[in-house]
């Protein structure tokens, strides 16, 4: 397997991808890659798999992310779990950011490198690798990893009372 560094100077993370599978034909390429990033702004990391195709036409490349695998699932399962274990061992106390969480936009969270446009949590913590990706095109469990974020007995205390008398 081939690991490719993808850390960019203006992004707050160490990022790499692991090539899982490639297929090439005359005018079509298909890649399965596992991406992982460790944030420099806080104790967070993320991992996801990408199925991508590229059409080749007269020297031009037209690429598209077909689907993102957001948890240990099918062909990404063993490598996903291996990378997660290695990151947790090397970066003690770092938490996995579930895909559902890092795809969210938070009001007031901006990207200073893109004319202060609002950005998702993923871009603020890691990089812009998922720019333009339709977050509905995913497979696996988007809540994978939430168990470390939600603990019994923590959270808001909600009391439901009867409506007031008029």
N, C-alpha and C. Protein backbone atom coordinates (compact mmCIF):
# COMPACT_ATOMS: atom_id res chain seq x y z
N UNK A 1 0.84 -1.18 0.00
CA UNK A 1 0.00 0.00 0.00
C UNK A 1 0.88 1.24 0.00
N UNK A 2 0.42 2.26 -0.67
CA UNK A 2 1.16 3.50 -0.81
C UNK A 2 0.52 4.59 0.04
N UNK A 3 1.31 5.22 0.93
CA UNK A 3 0.84 6.33 1.75
C UNK A 3 1.37 7.62 1.16
N UNK A 4 0.47 8.59 0.97
CA UNK A 4 0.85 9.87 0.38
C UNK A 4 0.55 10.98 1.36
N UNK A 5 1.55 11.80 1.69
CA UNK A 5 1.34 12.94 2.57
C UNK A 5 0.52 14.00 1.87
N UNK A 6 -0.42 14.61 2.60
CA UNK A 6 -1.27 15.65 2.02
C UNK A 6 -1.36 16.87 2.92
N UNK A 7 -0.35 17.09 3.74
CA UNK A 7 -0.33 18.24 4.63
C UNK A 7 0.00 19.48 3.82
N UNK A 8 -0.81 20.52 3.99
CA UNK A 8 -0.60 21.78 3.28
C UNK A 8 -0.24 22.85 4.30
N UNK A 9 0.63 23.76 3.91
CA UNK A 9 1.13 24.79 4.81
C UNK A 9 0.06 25.67 5.43
N UNK A 10 -1.01 25.94 4.72
CA UNK A 10 -2.03 26.84 5.22
C UNK A 10 -3.21 26.12 5.87
N UNK A 11 -3.06 24.87 6.17
CA UNK A 11 -4.14 24.11 6.79
C UNK A 11 -3.70 23.57 8.14
N UNK A 12 -4.62 23.54 9.10
CA UNK A 12 -4.25 23.21 10.48
C UNK A 12 -4.24 21.72 10.81
N UNK A 13 -3.55 20.89 9.98
CA UNK A 13 -3.53 19.46 10.28
C UNK A 13 -2.38 18.76 9.60
N UNK A 14 -2.08 17.57 10.12
CA UNK A 14 -1.22 16.61 9.43
C UNK A 14 -2.19 15.69 8.69
N UNK A 15 -2.04 15.55 7.39
CA UNK A 15 -2.98 14.73 6.62
C UNK A 15 -2.23 13.81 5.68
N UNK A 16 -2.78 12.62 5.49
CA UNK A 16 -2.24 11.66 4.54
C UNK A 16 -3.37 10.82 3.97
N UNK A 17 -3.05 10.10 2.90
CA UNK A 17 -4.01 9.15 2.36
C UNK A 17 -3.29 7.85 2.06
N UNK A 18 -4.04 6.79 2.14
CA UNK A 18 -3.55 5.44 1.92
C UNK A 18 -4.28 4.88 0.71
N UNK A 19 -3.56 4.54 -0.34
CA UNK A 19 -4.17 4.00 -1.54
C UNK A 19 -4.57 2.55 -1.27
N UNK A 20 -5.87 2.26 -1.35
CA UNK A 20 -6.40 0.92 -1.09
C UNK A 20 -6.47 0.12 -2.39
N UNK A 21 -6.95 0.77 -3.46
CA UNK A 21 -7.15 0.06 -4.73
C UNK A 21 -7.17 1.06 -5.87
N UNK A 22 -6.63 0.66 -7.01
CA UNK A 22 -6.71 1.49 -8.22
C UNK A 22 -7.15 0.63 -9.40
N UNK A 23 -7.82 1.28 -10.32
CA UNK A 23 -8.21 0.64 -11.57
C UNK A 23 -8.02 1.68 -12.67
N UNK A 24 -7.37 1.29 -13.75
CA UNK A 24 -7.18 2.21 -14.87
C UNK A 24 -7.56 1.54 -16.18
N UNK A 25 -8.25 2.30 -17.00
CA UNK A 25 -8.64 1.88 -18.33
C UNK A 25 -8.18 3.00 -19.27
N UNK A 26 -8.48 2.91 -20.53
CA UNK A 26 -8.03 3.92 -21.49
C UNK A 26 -8.43 5.34 -21.09
N UNK A 27 -9.67 5.53 -20.74
CA UNK A 27 -10.15 6.88 -20.44
C UNK A 27 -10.83 6.99 -19.08
N UNK A 28 -10.59 6.02 -18.21
CA UNK A 28 -11.23 6.02 -16.89
C UNK A 28 -10.25 5.52 -15.83
N UNK A 29 -10.25 6.21 -14.68
CA UNK A 29 -9.48 5.75 -13.52
C UNK A 29 -10.43 5.71 -12.32
N UNK A 30 -10.24 4.72 -11.47
CA UNK A 30 -11.03 4.59 -10.24
C UNK A 30 -10.05 4.38 -9.09
N UNK A 31 -10.24 5.15 -8.02
CA UNK A 31 -9.36 5.06 -6.86
C UNK A 31 -10.19 4.82 -5.60
N UNK A 32 -9.67 4.00 -4.71
CA UNK A 32 -10.21 3.85 -3.36
C UNK A 32 -9.07 4.27 -2.43
N UNK A 33 -9.29 5.35 -1.68
CA UNK A 33 -8.25 5.85 -0.78
C UNK A 33 -8.84 6.06 0.61
N UNK A 34 -8.01 5.85 1.60
CA UNK A 34 -8.39 6.09 3.00
C UNK A 34 -7.65 7.35 3.44
N UNK A 35 -8.38 8.36 3.85
CA UNK A 35 -7.81 9.64 4.26
C UNK A 35 -7.85 9.75 5.78
N UNK A 36 -6.78 10.31 6.33
CA UNK A 36 -6.76 10.55 7.77
C UNK A 36 -6.04 11.85 8.05
N UNK A 37 -6.56 12.59 9.05
CA UNK A 37 -6.01 13.88 9.42
C UNK A 37 -5.98 14.00 10.93
N UNK A 38 -4.92 14.63 11.43
CA UNK A 38 -4.77 14.93 12.85
C UNK A 38 -4.67 16.45 12.95
N UNK A 39 -5.57 17.05 13.72
CA UNK A 39 -5.65 18.50 13.82
C UNK A 39 -4.49 19.09 14.62
N UNK A 40 -4.04 20.27 14.21
CA UNK A 40 -3.04 21.03 14.96
C UNK A 40 -3.70 22.05 15.88
N UNK A 41 -5.02 22.27 15.72
CA UNK A 41 -5.72 23.27 16.53
C UNK A 41 -6.35 22.69 17.79
N UNK A 42 -6.43 21.40 17.89
CA UNK A 42 -7.00 20.75 19.06
C UNK A 42 -6.77 19.26 18.99
N UNK A 43 -7.11 18.54 20.06
CA UNK A 43 -6.84 17.10 20.12
C UNK A 43 -7.89 16.27 19.37
N UNK A 44 -7.89 16.40 18.04
CA UNK A 44 -8.90 15.75 17.22
C UNK A 44 -8.27 15.09 16.00
N UNK A 45 -8.92 14.02 15.53
CA UNK A 45 -8.51 13.38 14.28
C UNK A 45 -9.74 12.82 13.59
N UNK A 46 -9.58 12.52 12.30
CA UNK A 46 -10.67 11.92 11.54
C UNK A 46 -10.11 10.98 10.49
N UNK A 47 -10.95 10.06 10.06
CA UNK A 47 -10.59 9.07 9.04
C UNK A 47 -11.84 8.84 8.17
N UNK A 48 -11.64 8.73 6.86
CA UNK A 48 -12.75 8.39 5.98
C UNK A 48 -12.19 7.82 4.68
N UNK A 49 -12.98 6.99 4.02
CA UNK A 49 -12.59 6.40 2.74
C UNK A 49 -13.25 7.13 1.59
N UNK A 50 -12.56 7.20 0.46
CA UNK A 50 -13.09 7.90 -0.70
C UNK A 50 -13.06 6.98 -1.92
N UNK A 51 -14.19 6.88 -2.61
CA UNK A 51 -14.27 6.25 -3.92
C UNK A 51 -14.35 7.39 -4.93
N UNK A 52 -13.38 7.46 -5.80
CA UNK A 52 -13.28 8.57 -6.75
C UNK A 52 -13.05 8.03 -8.15
N UNK A 53 -13.69 8.66 -9.13
CA UNK A 53 -13.44 8.31 -10.52
C UNK A 53 -12.90 9.53 -11.25
N UNK A 54 -12.16 9.26 -12.31
CA UNK A 54 -11.61 10.33 -13.12
C UNK A 54 -11.74 9.94 -14.59
N UNK A 55 -12.34 10.81 -15.37
CA UNK A 55 -12.46 10.62 -16.80
C UNK A 55 -11.31 11.37 -17.46
N UNK A 56 -10.62 10.69 -18.37
CA UNK A 56 -9.51 11.29 -19.11
C UNK A 56 -9.97 11.59 -20.52
N UNK A 57 -9.79 12.83 -20.96
CA UNK A 57 -10.22 13.21 -22.30
C UNK A 57 -9.28 14.28 -22.85
N UNK A 58 -8.56 13.93 -23.89
CA UNK A 58 -7.65 14.85 -24.57
C UNK A 58 -6.71 15.56 -23.59
N UNK A 59 -6.12 14.77 -22.71
CA UNK A 59 -5.14 15.33 -21.77
C UNK A 59 -5.74 16.00 -20.54
N UNK A 60 -7.03 16.08 -20.46
CA UNK A 60 -7.70 16.68 -19.30
C UNK A 60 -8.22 15.58 -18.38
N UNK A 61 -8.29 15.92 -17.10
CA UNK A 61 -8.79 14.99 -16.08
C UNK A 61 -10.05 15.60 -15.45
N UNK A 62 -11.14 14.83 -15.46
CA UNK A 62 -12.40 15.26 -14.87
C UNK A 62 -12.72 14.31 -13.73
N UNK A 63 -12.49 14.77 -12.49
CA UNK A 63 -12.65 13.90 -11.34
C UNK A 63 -13.93 14.15 -10.57
N UNK A 64 -14.37 13.11 -9.87
CA UNK A 64 -15.56 13.22 -9.03
C UNK A 64 -15.44 12.26 -7.85
N UNK A 65 -15.83 12.75 -6.68
CA UNK A 65 -15.95 11.87 -5.52
C UNK A 65 -17.32 11.22 -5.62
N UNK A 66 -17.34 9.90 -5.76
CA UNK A 66 -18.61 9.19 -5.92
C UNK A 66 -19.28 8.91 -4.58
N UNK A 67 -18.49 8.50 -3.60
CA UNK A 67 -19.05 8.20 -2.29
C UNK A 67 -17.92 8.26 -1.25
N UNK A 68 -18.27 8.65 -0.04
CA UNK A 68 -17.32 8.67 1.07
C UNK A 68 -17.78 7.62 2.09
N UNK A 69 -16.85 6.78 2.51
CA UNK A 69 -17.13 5.77 3.52
C UNK A 69 -16.72 6.35 4.86
N UNK A 70 -17.67 6.48 5.78
CA UNK A 70 -17.48 7.30 6.98
C UNK A 70 -17.19 6.52 8.26
N UNK A 71 -17.04 5.21 8.15
CA UNK A 71 -16.79 4.38 9.33
C UNK A 71 -16.10 3.09 8.85
N UNK A 72 -15.64 2.25 9.78
CA UNK A 72 -15.08 0.97 9.35
C UNK A 72 -16.18 0.17 8.62
N UNK A 73 -16.04 0.02 7.33
CA UNK A 73 -17.11 -0.57 6.53
C UNK A 73 -16.51 -1.26 5.31
N UNK A 74 -16.91 -2.48 5.10
CA UNK A 74 -16.52 -3.31 3.94
C UNK A 74 -15.02 -3.22 3.66
N UNK A 75 -14.64 -2.85 2.44
CA UNK A 75 -13.24 -2.90 2.04
C UNK A 75 -12.34 -1.92 2.80
N UNK A 76 -12.92 -0.94 3.48
CA UNK A 76 -12.13 0.01 4.26
C UNK A 76 -11.98 -0.39 5.73
N UNK A 77 -12.71 -1.40 6.17
CA UNK A 77 -12.79 -1.72 7.59
C UNK A 77 -11.44 -1.99 8.26
N UNK A 78 -10.67 -2.91 7.75
CA UNK A 78 -9.43 -3.28 8.45
C UNK A 78 -8.42 -2.14 8.44
N UNK A 79 -8.26 -1.44 7.32
CA UNK A 79 -7.32 -0.32 7.27
C UNK A 79 -7.79 0.85 8.13
N UNK A 80 -9.09 1.11 8.14
CA UNK A 80 -9.67 2.16 8.99
C UNK A 80 -9.33 1.88 10.45
N UNK A 81 -9.60 0.67 10.90
CA UNK A 81 -9.33 0.31 12.30
C UNK A 81 -7.84 0.34 12.62
N UNK A 82 -7.00 -0.08 11.68
CA UNK A 82 -5.56 -0.07 11.87
C UNK A 82 -5.06 1.37 12.05
N UNK A 83 -5.48 2.27 11.15
CA UNK A 83 -5.06 3.68 11.22
C UNK A 83 -5.57 4.32 12.50
N UNK A 84 -6.82 4.04 12.87
CA UNK A 84 -7.38 4.62 14.09
C UNK A 84 -6.56 4.19 15.31
N UNK A 85 -6.22 2.92 15.40
CA UNK A 85 -5.42 2.42 16.52
C UNK A 85 -4.06 3.09 16.57
N UNK A 86 -3.42 3.24 15.42
CA UNK A 86 -2.10 3.87 15.36
C UNK A 86 -2.16 5.35 15.79
N UNK A 87 -3.17 6.07 15.32
CA UNK A 87 -3.31 7.48 15.69
C UNK A 87 -3.56 7.60 17.19
N UNK A 88 -4.47 6.79 17.75
CA UNK A 88 -4.78 6.86 19.18
C UNK A 88 -3.57 6.50 20.04
N UNK A 89 -2.73 5.61 19.55
CA UNK A 89 -1.52 5.23 20.28
C UNK A 89 -0.49 6.37 20.25
N UNK A 90 -0.34 7.00 19.10
CA UNK A 90 0.66 8.06 18.93
C UNK A 90 0.20 9.39 19.53
N UNK A 91 -1.07 9.72 19.41
CA UNK A 91 -1.61 10.99 19.89
C UNK A 91 -2.57 10.73 21.05
N UNK A 92 -2.01 10.49 22.22
CA UNK A 92 -2.79 10.17 23.42
C UNK A 92 -3.80 11.28 23.73
N UNK A 93 -5.03 10.87 24.01
CA UNK A 93 -6.07 11.83 24.39
C UNK A 93 -6.78 12.49 23.22
N UNK A 94 -6.35 12.23 21.99
CA UNK A 94 -7.03 12.81 20.83
C UNK A 94 -8.32 12.05 20.58
N UNK A 95 -9.36 12.80 20.18
CA UNK A 95 -10.67 12.19 19.94
C UNK A 95 -10.98 12.14 18.44
N UNK A 96 -11.61 11.03 18.05
CA UNK A 96 -12.09 10.86 16.69
C UNK A 96 -13.31 11.74 16.49
N UNK A 97 -13.32 12.53 15.42
CA UNK A 97 -14.47 13.37 15.09
C UNK A 97 -15.37 12.58 14.13
N UNK A 98 -16.57 12.21 14.55
CA UNK A 98 -17.48 11.48 13.66
C UNK A 98 -17.84 12.32 12.43
N UNK A 99 -18.06 11.66 11.32
CA UNK A 99 -18.37 12.34 10.07
C UNK A 99 -19.57 13.26 10.21
N UNK A 100 -20.58 12.79 10.88
CA UNK A 100 -21.80 13.62 11.05
C UNK A 100 -21.47 14.93 11.74
N UNK A 101 -20.57 14.89 12.68
CA UNK A 101 -20.18 16.09 13.42
C UNK A 101 -19.29 16.99 12.57
N UNK A 102 -18.28 16.43 11.93
CA UNK A 102 -17.37 17.32 11.21
C UNK A 102 -17.94 17.86 9.91
N UNK A 103 -19.09 17.35 9.47
CA UNK A 103 -19.75 17.88 8.27
C UNK A 103 -20.66 19.07 8.59
N UNK A 104 -20.86 19.35 9.87
CA UNK A 104 -21.76 20.43 10.27
C UNK A 104 -21.13 21.81 10.09
N UNK A 105 -21.98 22.77 9.79
CA UNK A 105 -21.58 24.16 9.77
C UNK A 105 -21.96 24.76 11.11
N UNK A 106 -21.10 25.59 11.65
CA UNK A 106 -21.38 26.27 12.91
C UNK A 106 -21.39 27.77 12.59
N UNK A 107 -22.48 28.43 12.96
CA UNK A 107 -22.60 29.85 12.67
C UNK A 107 -21.40 30.59 13.27
N UNK A 108 -20.77 31.39 12.45
CA UNK A 108 -19.64 32.18 12.91
C UNK A 108 -18.28 31.50 12.74
N UNK A 109 -18.26 30.28 12.19
CA UNK A 109 -17.00 29.58 11.95
C UNK A 109 -16.59 29.87 10.51
N UNK A 110 -15.48 30.59 10.34
CA UNK A 110 -15.07 31.05 9.03
C UNK A 110 -13.70 30.53 8.65
N UNK A 111 -13.45 30.48 7.35
CA UNK A 111 -12.15 30.10 6.81
C UNK A 111 -11.40 31.38 6.44
N UNK A 112 -10.34 31.73 7.17
CA UNK A 112 -9.63 32.97 6.88
C UNK A 112 -8.90 32.95 5.54
N UNK A 113 -8.73 31.77 4.94
CA UNK A 113 -8.02 31.66 3.66
C UNK A 113 -8.96 31.70 2.46
N UNK A 114 -10.26 31.82 2.70
CA UNK A 114 -11.23 31.86 1.60
C UNK A 114 -12.22 32.99 1.79
N UNK A 115 -11.72 34.19 1.85
CA UNK A 115 -12.55 35.39 1.97
C UNK A 115 -13.54 35.29 3.13
N UNK A 116 -13.11 34.65 4.21
CA UNK A 116 -13.94 34.52 5.43
C UNK A 116 -15.32 33.92 5.16
N UNK A 117 -15.38 32.92 4.26
CA UNK A 117 -16.63 32.20 4.05
C UNK A 117 -16.86 31.23 5.20
N UNK A 118 -18.15 31.04 5.57
CA UNK A 118 -18.45 30.05 6.60
C UNK A 118 -17.98 28.68 6.12
N UNK A 119 -17.51 27.88 7.05
CA UNK A 119 -16.98 26.57 6.67
C UNK A 119 -17.44 25.51 7.66
N UNK A 120 -17.41 24.25 7.24
CA UNK A 120 -17.78 23.16 8.15
C UNK A 120 -16.67 22.94 9.19
N UNK A 121 -17.01 22.23 10.24
CA UNK A 121 -16.06 21.92 11.31
C UNK A 121 -14.84 21.21 10.72
N UNK A 122 -15.06 20.31 9.77
CA UNK A 122 -13.96 19.57 9.15
C UNK A 122 -12.89 20.52 8.60
N UNK A 123 -13.31 21.52 7.86
CA UNK A 123 -12.35 22.43 7.23
C UNK A 123 -11.62 23.27 8.27
N UNK A 124 -12.31 23.65 9.32
CA UNK A 124 -11.67 24.46 10.37
C UNK A 124 -10.63 23.65 11.13
N UNK A 125 -10.88 22.35 11.33
CA UNK A 125 -9.95 21.52 12.11
C UNK A 125 -8.88 20.84 11.25
N UNK A 126 -9.19 20.54 10.00
CA UNK A 126 -8.31 19.69 9.21
C UNK A 126 -7.84 20.34 7.91
N UNK A 127 -8.64 20.29 6.86
CA UNK A 127 -8.23 20.81 5.55
C UNK A 127 -9.46 20.97 4.66
N UNK A 128 -9.24 21.29 3.41
CA UNK A 128 -10.34 21.49 2.48
C UNK A 128 -10.54 20.34 1.52
N UNK A 129 -10.08 19.14 1.88
CA UNK A 129 -10.13 17.99 0.97
C UNK A 129 -11.55 17.62 0.53
N UNK A 130 -12.54 17.91 1.33
CA UNK A 130 -13.92 17.53 0.98
C UNK A 130 -14.70 18.68 0.35
N UNK A 131 -14.01 19.71 -0.10
CA UNK A 131 -14.67 20.85 -0.71
C UNK A 131 -15.49 20.40 -1.92
N UNK A 132 -16.73 20.82 -1.97
CA UNK A 132 -17.60 20.48 -3.08
C UNK A 132 -18.23 19.11 -3.00
N UNK A 133 -17.91 18.36 -1.97
CA UNK A 133 -18.46 17.02 -1.82
C UNK A 133 -19.88 17.09 -1.26
N UNK A 134 -20.79 16.34 -1.84
CA UNK A 134 -22.18 16.25 -1.38
C UNK A 134 -22.23 15.28 -0.20
N UNK A 135 -22.41 15.78 1.01
CA UNK A 135 -22.34 14.95 2.21
C UNK A 135 -23.45 13.90 2.30
N UNK A 136 -24.42 13.93 1.39
CA UNK A 136 -25.45 12.90 1.39
C UNK A 136 -24.98 11.64 0.65
N UNK A 137 -23.89 11.74 -0.08
CA UNK A 137 -23.36 10.59 -0.81
C UNK A 137 -22.32 9.89 0.06
N UNK A 138 -22.81 9.19 1.06
CA UNK A 138 -21.91 8.50 1.98
C UNK A 138 -22.46 7.13 2.30
N UNK A 139 -21.57 6.29 2.81
CA UNK A 139 -22.00 4.97 3.27
C UNK A 139 -21.29 4.68 4.58
N UNK A 140 -21.84 3.76 5.33
CA UNK A 140 -21.32 3.47 6.66
C UNK A 140 -22.15 4.19 7.71
N UNK A 141 -21.65 4.21 8.92
CA UNK A 141 -22.35 4.81 10.07
C UNK A 141 -21.82 6.20 10.32
N UNK A 142 -22.58 7.24 9.96
CA UNK A 142 -22.13 8.63 10.12
C UNK A 142 -21.99 9.03 11.59
N UNK A 143 -22.55 8.23 12.49
CA UNK A 143 -22.42 8.52 13.92
C UNK A 143 -21.32 7.68 14.58
N UNK A 144 -20.57 6.92 13.77
CA UNK A 144 -19.49 6.12 14.31
C UNK A 144 -18.54 7.02 15.10
N UNK A 145 -18.26 6.64 16.33
CA UNK A 145 -17.36 7.39 17.18
C UNK A 145 -18.04 8.34 18.15
N UNK A 146 -19.37 8.49 18.05
CA UNK A 146 -20.08 9.37 18.98
C UNK A 146 -20.01 8.86 20.42
N UNK A 147 -19.78 7.58 20.59
CA UNK A 147 -19.77 7.01 21.94
C UNK A 147 -18.73 7.67 22.85
N UNK A 148 -17.64 8.19 22.31
CA UNK A 148 -16.64 8.86 23.15
C UNK A 148 -17.02 10.29 23.46
N UNK A 149 -18.00 10.81 22.76
CA UNK A 149 -18.45 12.19 22.98
C UNK A 149 -19.61 12.27 23.96
N UNK A 150 -20.44 11.23 23.99
CA UNK A 150 -21.63 11.23 24.84
C UNK A 150 -21.41 10.27 25.99
N UNK A 151 -21.50 10.78 27.20
CA UNK A 151 -21.29 9.96 28.38
C UNK A 151 -22.56 9.97 29.24
N UNK A 152 -22.88 8.84 29.84
CA UNK A 152 -24.06 8.76 30.71
C UNK A 152 -23.95 9.78 31.83
N UNK A 153 -25.06 10.44 32.10
CA UNK A 153 -25.11 11.40 33.20
C UNK A 153 -24.67 12.79 32.80
N UNK A 154 -24.10 12.96 31.61
CA UNK A 154 -23.70 14.29 31.16
C UNK A 154 -24.73 14.80 30.16
N UNK A 155 -24.78 16.09 30.02
CA UNK A 155 -25.70 16.69 29.07
C UNK A 155 -26.73 17.53 29.81
N UNK A 156 -27.65 18.10 29.07
CA UNK A 156 -28.65 18.98 29.70
C UNK A 156 -29.63 18.19 30.55
N UNK A 157 -30.13 18.82 31.57
CA UNK A 157 -31.15 18.24 32.43
C UNK A 157 -32.49 18.83 31.99
N UNK A 158 -33.35 18.03 31.42
CA UNK A 158 -34.62 18.50 30.88
C UNK A 158 -35.75 18.02 31.77
N UNK A 159 -36.60 18.96 32.17
CA UNK A 159 -37.77 18.63 32.99
C UNK A 159 -39.01 19.08 32.23
N UNK A 160 -39.91 18.15 32.00
CA UNK A 160 -41.16 18.47 31.32
C UNK A 160 -42.26 18.65 32.35
N UNK A 161 -42.90 19.81 32.31
CA UNK A 161 -43.97 20.11 33.25
C UNK A 161 -45.26 20.35 32.47
N UNK A 162 -46.40 20.24 33.15
CA UNK A 162 -47.66 20.52 32.46
C UNK A 162 -47.75 21.99 32.09
N UNK A 163 -48.55 22.30 31.07
CA UNK A 163 -48.69 23.71 30.68
C UNK A 163 -49.29 24.53 31.82
N UNK A 164 -48.96 25.81 31.88
CA UNK A 164 -49.52 26.66 32.96
C UNK A 164 -51.03 26.82 32.80
N UNK A 165 -51.69 27.00 33.91
CA UNK A 165 -53.15 27.21 33.87
C UNK A 165 -53.43 28.63 33.49
N UNK A 166 -54.49 28.79 32.67
CA UNK A 166 -54.85 30.14 32.22
C UNK A 166 -56.06 30.63 32.96
